[in-house]
Amino acid sequence: FVWNSERKEFLGRTGGSWFKILVFYIIFYGCLAGVFVGTIQALLLTLS
């Protein structure tokens, strides 16, 4: 299960599958961080 040498799988996923998941979460959390930073910046614009 940890490493399947026949199918080239690590923890049940191939390298391509792990790459797609990694890219998805980078984009997902990047968007969340962008929304958070944008909200804070918009709030700061209203403050004196």
ModelCIF file with pLDDT and N, C-alpha, C, O atoms, coordinates in Angstrom:
data_MODEL
#
_entry.id   MODEL 
#
_entity.id                         1 
_entity.type                       polymer 
_entity.pdbx_number_of_molecules   1 
#
_entity_poly.entity_id                      1 
_entity_poly.type                           'polypeptide(L)' 
_entity_poly.nstd_linkage                   no 
_entity_poly.nstd_monomer                   no 
_entity_poly.pdbx_seq_one_letter_code       FVWNSERKEFLGRTGGSWFKILVFYIIFYGCLAGVFVGTIQALLLTLS 
_entity_poly.pdbx_seq_one_letter_code_can   FVWNSERKEFLGRTGGSWFKILVFYIIFYGCLAGVFVGTIQALLLTLS 
_entity_poly.pdbx_strand_id                 A 
#
loop_
_entity_poly_seq.entity_id 
_entity_poly_seq.num 
_entity_poly_seq.mon_id 
_entity_poly_seq.hetero 
1 1  PHE n 
1 2  VAL n 
1 3  TRP n 
1 4  ASN n 
1 5  SER n 
1 6  GLU n 
1 7  ARG n 
1 8  LYS n 
1 9  GLU n 
1 10 PHE n 
1 11 LEU n 
1 12 GLY n 
1 13 ARG n 
1 14 THR n 
1 15 GLY n 
1 16 GLY n 
1 17 SER n 
1 18 TRP n 
1 19 PHE n 
1 20 LYS n 
1 21 ILE n 
1 22 LEU n 
1 23 VAL n 
1 24 PHE n 
1 25 TYR n 
1 26 ILE n 
1 27 ILE n 
1 28 PHE n 
1 29 TYR n 
1 30 GLY n 
1 31 CYS n 
1 32 LEU n 
1 33 ALA n 
1 34 GLY n 
1 35 VAL n 
1 36 PHE n 
1 37 VAL n 
1 38 GLY n 
1 39 THR n 
1 40 ILE n 
1 41 GLN n 
1 42 ALA n 
1 43 LEU n 
1 44 LEU n 
1 45 LEU n 
1 46 THR n 
1 47 LEU n 
1 48 SER n 
#
_struct_asym.id          A 
_struct_asym.entity_id   1 
#
loop_
_ma_qa_metric.id 
_ma_qa_metric.mode 
_ma_qa_metric.name 
_ma_qa_metric.software_group_id 
_ma_qa_metric.type 
1 global pLDDT . pLDDT 
2 local  pLDDT . pLDDT 
#
_ma_qa_metric_global.metric_id      1 
_ma_qa_metric_global.metric_value   83.75 
_ma_qa_metric_global.model_id       1 
_ma_qa_metric_global.ordinal_id     1 
#
loop_
_ma_qa_metric_local.label_asym_id 
_ma_qa_metric_local.label_comp_id 
_ma_qa_metric_local.label_seq_id 
_ma_qa_metric_local.metric_id 
_ma_qa_metric_local.metric_value 
_ma_qa_metric_local.model_id 
_ma_qa_metric_local.ordinal_id 
A PHE 1  2 65.00 1 1  
A VAL 2  2 68.00 1 2  
A TRP 3  2 69.00 1 3  
A ASN 4  2 71.00 1 4  
A SER 5  2 69.00 1 5  
A GLU 6  2 71.00 1 6  
A ARG 7  2 71.00 1 7  
A LYS 8  2 70.00 1 8  
A GLU 9  2 73.00 1 9  
A PHE 10 2 71.00 1 10 
A LEU 11 2 71.00 1 11 
A GLY 12 2 68.00 1 12 
A ARG 13 2 76.00 1 13 
A THR 14 2 79.00 1 14 
A GLY 15 2 76.00 1 15 
A GLY 16 2 79.00 1 16 
A SER 17 2 82.00 1 17 
A TRP 18 2 85.00 1 18 
A PHE 19 2 88.00 1 19 
A LYS 20 2 88.00 1 20 
A ILE 21 2 88.00 1 21 
A LEU 22 2 91.00 1 22 
A VAL 23 2 93.00 1 23 
A PHE 24 2 92.00 1 24 
A TYR 25 2 93.00 1 25 
A ILE 26 2 94.00 1 26 
A ILE 27 2 94.00 1 27 
A PHE 28 2 94.00 1 28 
A TYR 29 2 95.00 1 29 
A GLY 30 2 95.00 1 30 
A CYS 31 2 95.00 1 31 
A LEU 32 2 95.00 1 32 
A ALA 33 2 95.00 1 33 
A GLY 34 2 95.00 1 34 
A VAL 35 2 95.00 1 35 
A PHE 36 2 95.00 1 36 
A VAL 37 2 95.00 1 37 
A GLY 38 2 94.00 1 38 
A THR 39 2 93.00 1 39 
A ILE 40 2 92.00 1 40 
A GLN 41 2 91.00 1 41 
A ALA 42 2 89.00 1 42 
A LEU 43 2 84.00 1 43 
A LEU 44 2 83.00 1 44 
A LEU 45 2 81.00 1 45 
A THR 46 2 79.00 1 46 
A LEU 47 2 77.00 1 47 
A SER 48 2 73.00 1 48 
#
loop_
_atom_site.group_PDB 
_atom_site.id 
_atom_site.type_symbol 
_atom_site.label_atom_id 
_atom_site.label_alt_id 
_atom_site.label_comp_id 
_atom_site.label_asym_id 
_atom_site.label_entity_id 
_atom_site.label_seq_id 
_atom_site.pdbx_PDB_ins_code 
_atom_site.Cartn_x 
_atom_site.Cartn_y 
_atom_site.Cartn_z 
_atom_site.occupancy 
_atom_site.B_iso_or_equiv 
_atom_site.pdbx_formal_charge 
_atom_site.auth_seq_id 
_atom_site.auth_comp_id 
_atom_site.auth_asym_id 
_atom_site.auth_atom_id 
_atom_site.pdbx_PDB_model_num 
ATOM 1   N N  . PHE A 1 1  ? 0.842   -1.214 0.000   1.00 65.00 ? 1  PHE A N  1 
ATOM 2   C CA . PHE A 1 1  ? 0.000   0.000  0.000   1.00 65.00 ? 1  PHE A CA 1 
ATOM 3   C C  . PHE A 1 1  ? 0.868   1.252  0.000   1.00 65.00 ? 1  PHE A C  1 
ATOM 4   O O  . PHE A 1 1  ? 0.568   2.226  -0.689  1.00 65.00 ? 1  PHE A O  1 
ATOM 5   N N  . VAL A 1 2  ? 1.943   1.218  0.775   1.00 68.00 ? 2  VAL A N  1 
ATOM 6   C CA . VAL A 1 2  ? 2.835   2.382  0.800   1.00 68.00 ? 2  VAL A CA 1 
ATOM 7   C C  . VAL A 1 2  ? 3.498   2.568  -0.557  1.00 68.00 ? 2  VAL A C  1 
ATOM 8   O O  . VAL A 1 2  ? 3.534   3.684  -1.076  1.00 68.00 ? 2  VAL A O  1 
ATOM 9   N N  . TRP A 1 3  ? 4.010   1.520  -1.126  1.00 69.00 ? 3  TRP A N  1 
ATOM 10  C CA . TRP A 1 3  ? 4.652   1.629  -2.452  1.00 69.00 ? 3  TRP A CA 1 
ATOM 11  C C  . TRP A 1 3  ? 4.373   0.357  -3.249  1.00 69.00 ? 3  TRP A C  1 
ATOM 12  O O  . TRP A 1 3  ? 4.827   -0.738 -2.915  1.00 69.00 ? 3  TRP A O  1 
ATOM 13  N N  . ASN A 1 4  ? 3.599   0.559  -4.324  1.00 71.00 ? 4  ASN A N  1 
ATOM 14  C CA . ASN A 1 4  ? 3.275   -0.545 -5.242  1.00 71.00 ? 4  ASN A CA 1 
ATOM 15  C C  . ASN A 1 4  ? 4.190   -0.414 -6.445  1.00 71.00 ? 4  ASN A C  1 
ATOM 16  O O  . ASN A 1 4  ? 3.978   0.429  -7.317  1.00 71.00 ? 4  ASN A O  1 
ATOM 17  N N  . SER A 1 5  ? 5.218   -1.266 -6.481  1.00 69.00 ? 5  SER A N  1 
ATOM 18  C CA . SER A 1 5  ? 6.213   -1.162 -7.544  1.00 69.00 ? 5  SER A CA 1 
ATOM 19  C C  . SER A 1 5  ? 5.657   -1.561 -8.897  1.00 69.00 ? 5  SER A C  1 
ATOM 20  O O  . SER A 1 5  ? 6.152   -1.106 -9.928  1.00 69.00 ? 5  SER A O  1 
ATOM 21  N N  . GLU A 1 6  ? 4.636   -2.404 -8.909  1.00 71.00 ? 6  GLU A N  1 
ATOM 22  C CA . GLU A 1 6  ? 4.075   -2.839 -10.186 1.00 71.00 ? 6  GLU A CA 1 
ATOM 23  C C  . GLU A 1 6  ? 3.298   -1.694 -10.849 1.00 71.00 ? 6  GLU A C  1 
ATOM 24  O O  . GLU A 1 6  ? 3.445   -1.452 -12.047 1.00 71.00 ? 6  GLU A O  1 
ATOM 25  N N  . ARG A 1 7  ? 2.473   -0.995 -10.065 1.00 71.00 ? 7  ARG A N  1 
ATOM 26  C CA . ARG A 1 7  ? 1.651   0.094  -10.623 1.00 71.00 ? 7  ARG A CA 1 
ATOM 27  C C  . ARG A 1 7  ? 2.297   1.468  -10.450 1.00 71.00 ? 7  ARG A C  1 
ATOM 28  O O  . ARG A 1 7  ? 1.763   2.476  -10.912 1.00 71.00 ? 7  ARG A O  1 
ATOM 29  N N  . LYS A 1 8  ? 3.448   1.499  -9.783  1.00 70.00 ? 8  LYS A N  1 
ATOM 30  C CA . LYS A 1 8  ? 4.131   2.786  -9.522  1.00 70.00 ? 8  LYS A CA 1 
ATOM 31  C C  . LYS A 1 8  ? 3.231   3.726  -8.715  1.00 70.00 ? 8  LYS A C  1 
ATOM 32  O O  . LYS A 1 8  ? 3.078   4.898  -9.059  1.00 70.00 ? 8  LYS A O  1 
ATOM 33  N N  . GLU A 1 9  ? 2.634   3.198  -7.635  1.00 73.00 ? 9  GLU A N  1 
ATOM 34  C CA . GLU A 1 9  ? 1.717   3.974  -6.809  1.00 73.00 ? 9  GLU A CA 1 
ATOM 35  C C  . GLU A 1 9  ? 2.308   4.182  -5.411  1.00 73.00 ? 9  GLU A C  1 
ATOM 36  O O  . GLU A 1 9  ? 2.889   3.274  -4.816  1.00 73.00 ? 9  GLU A O  1 
ATOM 37  N N  . PHE A 1 10 ? 2.141   5.396  -4.914  1.00 71.00 ? 10 PHE A N  1 
ATOM 38  C CA . PHE A 1 10 ? 2.554   5.731  -3.552  1.00 71.00 ? 10 PHE A CA 1 
ATOM 39  C C  . PHE A 1 10 ? 1.299   6.086  -2.754  1.00 71.00 ? 10 PHE A C  1 
ATOM 40  O O  . PHE A 1 10 ? 0.584   7.032  -3.083  1.00 71.00 ? 10 PHE A O  1 
ATOM 41  N N  . LEU A 1 11 ? 1.044   5.300  -1.689  1.00 71.00 ? 11 LEU A N  1 
ATOM 42  C CA . LEU A 1 11 ? -0.171  5.460  -0.879  1.00 71.00 ? 11 LEU A CA 1 
ATOM 43  C C  . LEU A 1 11 ? -1.427  5.386  -1.742  1.00 71.00 ? 11 LEU A C  1 
ATOM 44  O O  . LEU A 1 11 ? -2.388  6.121  -1.516  1.00 71.00 ? 11 LEU A O  1 
ATOM 45  N N  . GLY A 1 12 ? -1.412  4.522  -2.701  1.00 68.00 ? 12 GLY A N  1 
ATOM 46  C CA . GLY A 1 12 ? -2.587  4.261  -3.510  1.00 68.00 ? 12 GLY A CA 1 
ATOM 47  C C  . GLY A 1 12 ? -2.785  5.208  -4.672  1.00 68.00 ? 12 GLY A C  1 
ATOM 48  O O  . GLY A 1 12 ? -3.806  5.120  -5.354  1.00 68.00 ? 12 GLY A O  1 
ATOM 49  N N  . ARG A 1 13 ? -1.835  6.127  -4.931  1.00 76.00 ? 13 ARG A N  1 
ATOM 50  C CA . ARG A 1 13 ? -1.983  7.073  -6.050  1.00 76.00 ? 13 ARG A CA 1 
ATOM 51  C C  . ARG A 1 13 ? -0.704  7.108  -6.874  1.00 76.00 ? 13 ARG A C  1 
ATOM 52  O O  . ARG A 1 13 ? 0.405   6.952  -6.364  1.00 76.00 ? 13 ARG A O  1 
ATOM 53  N N  . THR A 1 14 ? -0.907  7.318  -8.155  1.00 79.00 ? 14 THR A N  1 
ATOM 54  C CA . THR A 1 14 ? 0.236   7.459  -9.045  1.00 79.00 ? 14 THR A CA 1 
ATOM 55  C C  . THR A 1 14 ? 0.813   8.869  -8.921  1.00 79.00 ? 14 THR A C  1 
ATOM 56  O O  . THR A 1 14 ? 0.201   9.757  -8.328  1.00 79.00 ? 14 THR A O  1 
ATOM 57  N N  . GLY A 1 15 ? 1.989   9.051  -9.487  1.00 76.00 ? 15 GLY A N  1 
ATOM 58  C CA . GLY A 1 15 ? 2.610   10.369 -9.445  1.00 76.00 ? 15 GLY A CA 1 
ATOM 59  C C  . GLY A 1 15 ? 1.759   11.434 -10.106 1.00 76.00 ? 15 GLY A C  1 
ATOM 60  O O  . GLY A 1 15 ? 1.679   12.563 -9.622  1.00 76.00 ? 15 GLY A O  1 
ATOM 61  N N  . GLY A 1 16 ? 1.105   11.068 -11.243 1.00 79.00 ? 16 GLY A N  1 
ATOM 62  C CA . GLY A 1 16 ? 0.240   12.035 -11.925 1.00 79.00 ? 16 GLY A CA 1 
ATOM 63  C C  . GLY A 1 16 ? -0.944  12.435 -11.067 1.00 79.00 ? 16 GLY A C  1 
ATOM 64  O O  . GLY A 1 16 ? -1.341  13.600 -11.048 1.00 79.00 ? 16 GLY A O  1 
ATOM 65  N N  . SER A 1 17 ? -1.518  11.448 -10.341 1.00 82.00 ? 17 SER A N  1 
ATOM 66  C CA . SER A 1 17 ? -2.657  11.748 -9.466  1.00 82.00 ? 17 SER A CA 1 
ATOM 67  C C  . SER A 1 17 ? -2.247  12.683 -8.335  1.00 82.00 ? 17 SER A C  1 
ATOM 68  O O  . SER A 1 17 ? -2.947  13.644 -8.020  1.00 82.00 ? 17 SER A O  1 
ATOM 69  N N  . TRP A 1 18 ? -1.077  12.378 -7.720  1.00 85.00 ? 18 TRP A N  1 
ATOM 70  C CA . TRP A 1 18 ? -0.611  13.259 -6.658  1.00 85.00 ? 18 TRP A CA 1 
ATOM 71  C C  . TRP A 1 18 ? -0.318  14.660 -7.176  1.00 85.00 ? 18 TRP A C  1 
ATOM 72  O O  . TRP A 1 18 ? -0.571  15.632 -6.463  1.00 85.00 ? 18 TRP A O  1 
ATOM 73  N N  . PHE A 1 19 ? 0.199   14.798 -8.376  1.00 88.00 ? 19 PHE A N  1 
ATOM 74  C CA . PHE A 1 19 ? 0.490   16.107 -8.958  1.00 88.00 ? 19 PHE A CA 1 
ATOM 75  C C  . PHE A 1 19 ? -0.792  16.909 -9.155  1.00 88.00 ? 19 PHE A C  1 
ATOM 76  O O  . PHE A 1 19 ? -0.840  18.100 -8.850  1.00 88.00 ? 19 PHE A O  1 
ATOM 77  N N  . LYS A 1 20 ? -1.834  16.245 -9.668  1.00 88.00 ? 20 LYS A N  1 
ATOM 78  C CA . LYS A 1 20 ? -3.113  16.942 -9.877  1.00 88.00 ? 20 LYS A CA 1 
ATOM 79  C C  . LYS A 1 20 ? -3.711  17.425 -8.553  1.00 88.00 ? 20 LYS A C  1 
ATOM 80  O O  . LYS A 1 20 ? -4.225  18.540 -8.463  1.00 88.00 ? 20 LYS A O  1 
ATOM 81  N N  . ILE A 1 21 ? -3.636  16.560 -7.517  1.00 88.00 ? 21 ILE A N  1 
ATOM 82  C CA . ILE A 1 21 ? -4.166  16.966 -6.203  1.00 88.00 ? 21 ILE A CA 1 
ATOM 83  C C  . ILE A 1 21 ? -3.384  18.146 -5.645  1.00 88.00 ? 21 ILE A C  1 
ATOM 84  O O  . ILE A 1 21 ? -3.964  19.089 -5.106  1.00 88.00 ? 21 ILE A O  1 
ATOM 85  N N  . LEU A 1 22 ? -2.040  18.087 -5.781  1.00 91.00 ? 22 LEU A N  1 
ATOM 86  C CA . LEU A 1 22 ? -1.207  19.174 -5.287  1.00 91.00 ? 22 LEU A CA 1 
ATOM 87  C C  . LEU A 1 22 ? -1.534  20.487 -5.978  1.00 91.00 ? 22 LEU A C  1 
ATOM 88  O O  . LEU A 1 22 ? -1.653  21.522 -5.322  1.00 91.00 ? 22 LEU A O  1 
ATOM 89  N N  . VAL A 1 23 ? -1.678  20.455 -7.294  1.00 93.00 ? 23 VAL A N  1 
ATOM 90  C CA . VAL A 1 23 ? -2.021  21.673 -8.053  1.00 93.00 ? 23 VAL A CA 1 
ATOM 91  C C  . VAL A 1 23 ? -3.390  22.197 -7.634  1.00 93.00 ? 23 VAL A C  1 
ATOM 92  O O  . VAL A 1 23 ? -3.574  23.406 -7.493  1.00 93.00 ? 23 VAL A O  1 
ATOM 93  N N  . PHE A 1 24 ? -4.356  21.290 -7.433  1.00 92.00 ? 24 PHE A N  1 
ATOM 94  C CA . PHE A 1 24 ? -5.705  21.709 -7.040  1.00 92.00 ? 24 PHE A CA 1 
ATOM 95  C C  . PHE A 1 24 ? -5.679  22.467 -5.715  1.00 92.00 ? 24 PHE A C  1 
ATOM 96  O O  . PHE A 1 24 ? -6.265  23.542 -5.589  1.00 92.00 ? 24 PHE A O  1 
ATOM 97  N N  . TYR A 1 25 ? -4.979  21.881 -4.712  1.00 93.00 ? 25 TYR A N  1 
ATOM 98  C CA . TYR A 1 25 ? -4.974  22.521 -3.402  1.00 93.00 ? 25 TYR A CA 1 
ATOM 99  C C  . TYR A 1 25 ? -4.149  23.797 -3.382  1.00 93.00 ? 25 TYR A C  1 
ATOM 100 O O  . TYR A 1 25 ? -4.457  24.716 -2.623  1.00 93.00 ? 25 TYR A O  1 
ATOM 101 N N  . ILE A 1 26 ? -3.115  23.871 -4.193  1.00 94.00 ? 26 ILE A N  1 
ATOM 102 C CA . ILE A 1 26 ? -2.367  25.133 -4.291  1.00 94.00 ? 26 ILE A CA 1 
ATOM 103 C C  . ILE A 1 26 ? -3.269  26.236 -4.825  1.00 94.00 ? 26 ILE A C  1 
ATOM 104 O O  . ILE A 1 26 ? -3.291  27.346 -4.292  1.00 94.00 ? 26 ILE A O  1 
ATOM 105 N N  . ILE A 1 27 ? -4.013  25.922 -5.886  1.00 94.00 ? 27 ILE A N  1 
ATOM 106 C CA . ILE A 1 27 ? -4.940  26.912 -6.459  1.00 94.00 ? 27 ILE A CA 1 
ATOM 107 C C  . ILE A 1 27 ? -6.054  27.249 -5.470  1.00 94.00 ? 27 ILE A C  1 
ATOM 108 O O  . ILE A 1 27 ? -6.412  28.414 -5.300  1.00 94.00 ? 27 ILE A O  1 
ATOM 109 N N  . PHE A 1 28 ? -6.605  26.210 -4.815  1.00 94.00 ? 28 PHE A N  1 
ATOM 110 C CA . PHE A 1 28 ? -7.725  26.400 -3.891  1.00 94.00 ? 28 PHE A CA 1 
ATOM 111 C C  . PHE A 1 28 ? -7.331  27.310 -2.720  1.00 94.00 ? 28 PHE A C  1 
ATOM 112 O O  . PHE A 1 28 ? -8.006  28.301 -2.441  1.00 94.00 ? 28 PHE A O  1 
ATOM 113 N N  . TYR A 1 29 ? -6.226  26.961 -2.039  1.00 95.00 ? 29 TYR A N  1 
ATOM 114 C CA . TYR A 1 29 ? -5.815  27.774 -0.895  1.00 95.00 ? 29 TYR A CA 1 
ATOM 115 C C  . TYR A 1 29 ? -5.232  29.114 -1.316  1.00 95.00 ? 29 TYR A C  1 
ATOM 116 O O  . TYR A 1 29 ? -5.268  30.083 -0.558  1.00 95.00 ? 29 TYR A O  1 
ATOM 117 N N  . GLY A 1 30 ? -4.689  29.164 -2.543  1.00 95.00 ? 30 GLY A N  1 
ATOM 118 C CA . GLY A 1 30 ? -4.245  30.446 -3.063  1.00 95.00 ? 30 GLY A CA 1 
ATOM 119 C C  . GLY A 1 30 ? -5.413  31.396 -3.244  1.00 95.00 ? 30 GLY A C  1 
ATOM 120 O O  . GLY A 1 30 ? -5.314  32.583 -2.933  1.00 95.00 ? 30 GLY A O  1 
ATOM 121 N N  . CYS A 1 31 ? -6.530  30.866 -3.754  1.00 95.00 ? 31 CYS A N  1 
ATOM 122 C CA . CYS A 1 31 ? -7.740  31.691 -3.910  1.00 95.00 ? 31 CYS A CA 1 
ATOM 123 C C  . CYS A 1 31 ? -8.270  32.142 -2.559  1.00 95.00 ? 31 CYS A C  1 
ATOM 124 O O  . CYS A 1 31 ? -8.659  33.299 -2.402  1.00 95.00 ? 31 CYS A O  1 
ATOM 125 N N  . LEU A 1 32 ? -8.290  31.232 -1.573  1.00 95.00 ? 32 LEU A N  1 
ATOM 126 C CA . LEU A 1 32 ? -8.744  31.618 -0.237  1.00 95.00 ? 32 LEU A CA 1 
ATOM 127 C C  . LEU A 1 32 ? -7.869  32.722 0.353   1.00 95.00 ? 32 LEU A C  1 
ATOM 128 O O  . LEU A 1 32 ? -8.377  33.681 0.934   1.00 95.00 ? 32 LEU A O  1 
ATOM 129 N N  . ALA A 1 33 ? -6.553  32.581 0.200   1.00 95.00 ? 33 ALA A N  1 
ATOM 130 C CA . ALA A 1 33 ? -5.647  33.612 0.703   1.00 95.00 ? 33 ALA A CA 1 
ATOM 131 C C  . ALA A 1 33 ? -5.876  34.940 -0.013  1.00 95.00 ? 33 ALA A C  1 
ATOM 132 O O  . ALA A 1 33 ? -5.827  36.005 0.601   1.00 95.00 ? 33 ALA A O  1 
ATOM 133 N N  . GLY A 1 34 ? -6.128  34.861 -1.326  1.00 95.00 ? 34 GLY A N  1 
ATOM 134 C CA . GLY A 1 34 ? -6.384  36.076 -2.085  1.00 95.00 ? 34 GLY A CA 1 
ATOM 135 C C  . GLY A 1 34 ? -7.650  36.777 -1.625  1.00 95.00 ? 34 GLY A C  1 
ATOM 136 O O  . GLY A 1 34 ? -7.674  38.002 -1.504  1.00 95.00 ? 34 GLY A O  1 
ATOM 137 N N  . VAL A 1 35 ? -8.716  36.002 -1.364  1.00 95.00 ? 35 VAL A N  1 
ATOM 138 C CA . VAL A 1 35 ? -9.966  36.586 -0.867  1.00 95.00 ? 35 VAL A CA 1 
ATOM 139 C C  . VAL A 1 35 ? -9.742  37.233 0.495   1.00 95.00 ? 35 VAL A C  1 
ATOM 140 O O  . VAL A 1 35 ? -10.239 38.329 0.753   1.00 95.00 ? 35 VAL A O  1 
ATOM 141 N N  . PHE A 1 36 ? -8.994  36.554 1.370   1.00 95.00 ? 36 PHE A N  1 
ATOM 142 C CA . PHE A 1 36 ? -8.720  37.089 2.708   1.00 95.00 ? 36 PHE A CA 1 
ATOM 143 C C  . PHE A 1 36 ? -7.927  38.392 2.625   1.00 95.00 ? 36 PHE A C  1 
ATOM 144 O O  . PHE A 1 36 ? -8.291  39.386 3.253   1.00 95.00 ? 36 PHE A O  1 
ATOM 145 N N  . VAL A 1 37 ? -6.837  38.383 1.843   1.00 95.00 ? 37 VAL A N  1 
ATOM 146 C CA . VAL A 1 37 ? -6.010  39.585 1.705   1.00 95.00 ? 37 VAL A CA 1 
ATOM 147 C C  . VAL A 1 37 ? -6.808  40.724 1.073   1.00 95.00 ? 37 VAL A C  1 
ATOM 148 O O  . VAL A 1 37 ? -6.696  41.877 1.490   1.00 95.00 ? 37 VAL A O  1 
ATOM 149 N N  . GLY A 1 38 ? -7.611  40.390 0.065   1.00 94.00 ? 38 GLY A N  1 
ATOM 150 C CA . GLY A 1 38 ? -8.429  41.414 -0.584  1.00 94.00 ? 38 GLY A CA 1 
ATOM 151 C C  . GLY A 1 38 ? -9.438  42.026 0.369   1.00 94.00 ? 38 GLY A C  1 
ATOM 152 O O  . GLY A 1 38 ? -9.673  43.234 0.338   1.00 94.00 ? 38 GLY A O  1 
ATOM 153 N N  . THR A 1 39 ? -10.040 41.193 1.222   1.00 93.00 ? 39 THR A N  1 
ATOM 154 C CA . THR A 1 39 ? -11.002 41.704 2.196   1.00 93.00 ? 39 THR A CA 1 
ATOM 155 C C  . THR A 1 39 ? -10.333 42.629 3.196   1.00 93.00 ? 39 THR A C  1 
ATOM 156 O O  . THR A 1 39 ? -10.876 43.684 3.525   1.00 93.00 ? 39 THR A O  1 
ATOM 157 N N  . ILE A 1 40 ? -9.150  42.243 3.685   1.00 92.00 ? 40 ILE A N  1 
ATOM 158 C CA . ILE A 1 40 ? -8.428  43.082 4.633   1.00 92.00 ? 40 ILE A CA 1 
ATOM 159 C C  . ILE A 1 40 ? -8.039  44.412 3.991   1.00 92.00 ? 40 ILE A C  1 
ATOM 160 O O  . ILE A 1 40 ? -8.159  45.467 4.615   1.00 92.00 ? 40 ILE A O  1 
ATOM 161 N N  . GLN A 1 41 ? -7.569  44.358 2.735   1.00 91.00 ? 41 GLN A N  1 
ATOM 162 C CA . GLN A 1 41 ? -7.190  45.592 2.047   1.00 91.00 ? 41 GLN A CA 1 
ATOM 163 C C  . GLN A 1 41 ? -8.389  46.508 1.850   1.00 91.00 ? 41 GLN A C  1 
ATOM 164 O O  . GLN A 1 41 ? -8.285  47.722 2.021   1.00 91.00 ? 41 GLN A O  1 
ATOM 165 N N  . ALA A 1 42 ? -9.536  45.918 1.486   1.00 89.00 ? 42 ALA A N  1 
ATOM 166 C CA . ALA A 1 42 ? -10.757 46.725 1.315   1.00 89.00 ? 42 ALA A CA 1 
ATOM 167 C C  . ALA A 1 42 ? -11.164 47.375 2.635   1.00 89.00 ? 42 ALA A C  1 
ATOM 168 O O  . ALA A 1 42 ? -11.603 48.524 2.662   1.00 89.00 ? 42 ALA A O  1 
ATOM 169 N N  . LEU A 1 43 ? -11.012 46.619 3.738   1.00 84.00 ? 43 LEU A N  1 
ATOM 170 C CA . LEU A 1 43 ? -11.330 47.180 5.050   1.00 84.00 ? 43 LEU A CA 1 
ATOM 171 C C  . LEU A 1 43 ? -10.384 48.318 5.407   1.00 84.00 ? 43 LEU A C  1 
ATOM 172 O O  . LEU A 1 43 ? -10.817 49.345 5.931   1.00 84.00 ? 43 LEU A O  1 
ATOM 173 N N  . LEU A 1 44 ? -9.095  48.144 5.127   1.00 83.00 ? 44 LEU A N  1 
ATOM 174 C CA . LEU A 1 44 ? -8.123  49.183 5.452   1.00 83.00 ? 44 LEU A CA 1 
ATOM 175 C C  . LEU A 1 44 ? -8.377  50.471 4.684   1.00 83.00 ? 44 LEU A C  1 
ATOM 176 O O  . LEU A 1 44 ? -8.062  51.558 5.168   1.00 83.00 ? 44 LEU A O  1 
ATOM 177 N N  . LEU A 1 45 ? -8.948  50.352 3.486   1.00 81.00 ? 45 LEU A N  1 
ATOM 178 C CA . LEU A 1 45 ? -9.252  51.545 2.692   1.00 81.00 ? 45 LEU A CA 1 
ATOM 179 C C  . LEU A 1 45 ? -10.335 52.398 3.341   1.00 81.00 ? 45 LEU A C  1 
ATOM 180 O O  . LEU A 1 45 ? -10.431 53.595 3.071   1.00 81.00 ? 45 LEU A O  1 
ATOM 181 N N  . THR A 1 46 ? -11.154 51.782 4.199   1.00 79.00 ? 46 THR A N  1 
ATOM 182 C CA . THR A 1 46 ? -12.230 52.529 4.868   1.00 79.00 ? 46 THR A CA 1 
ATOM 183 C C  . THR A 1 46 ? -11.772 53.174 6.167   1.00 79.00 ? 46 THR A C  1 
ATOM 184 O O  . THR A 1 46 ? -12.510 53.957 6.765   1.00 79.00 ? 46 THR A O  1 
ATOM 185 N N  . LEU A 1 47 ? -10.550 52.848 6.612   1.00 77.00 ? 47 LEU A N  1 
ATOM 186 C CA . LEU A 1 47 ? -10.067 53.358 7.891   1.00 77.00 ? 47 LEU A CA 1 
ATOM 187 C C  . LEU A 1 47 ? -9.206  54.600 7.698   1.00 77.00 ? 47 LEU A C  1 
ATOM 188 O O  . LEU A 1 47 ? -8.504  54.745 6.697   1.00 77.00 ? 47 LEU A O  1 
ATOM 189 N N  . SER A 1 48 ? -9.281  55.481 8.673   1.00 73.00 ? 48 SER A N  1 
ATOM 190 C CA . SER A 1 48 ? -8.474  56.697 8.657   1.00 73.00 ? 48 SER A CA 1 
ATOM 191 C C  . SER A 1 48 ? -7.223  56.512 9.503   1.00 73.00 ? 48 SER A C  1 
ATOM 192 O O  . SER A 1 48 ? -6.412  57.431 9.614   1.00 73.00 ? 48 SER A O  1 
#
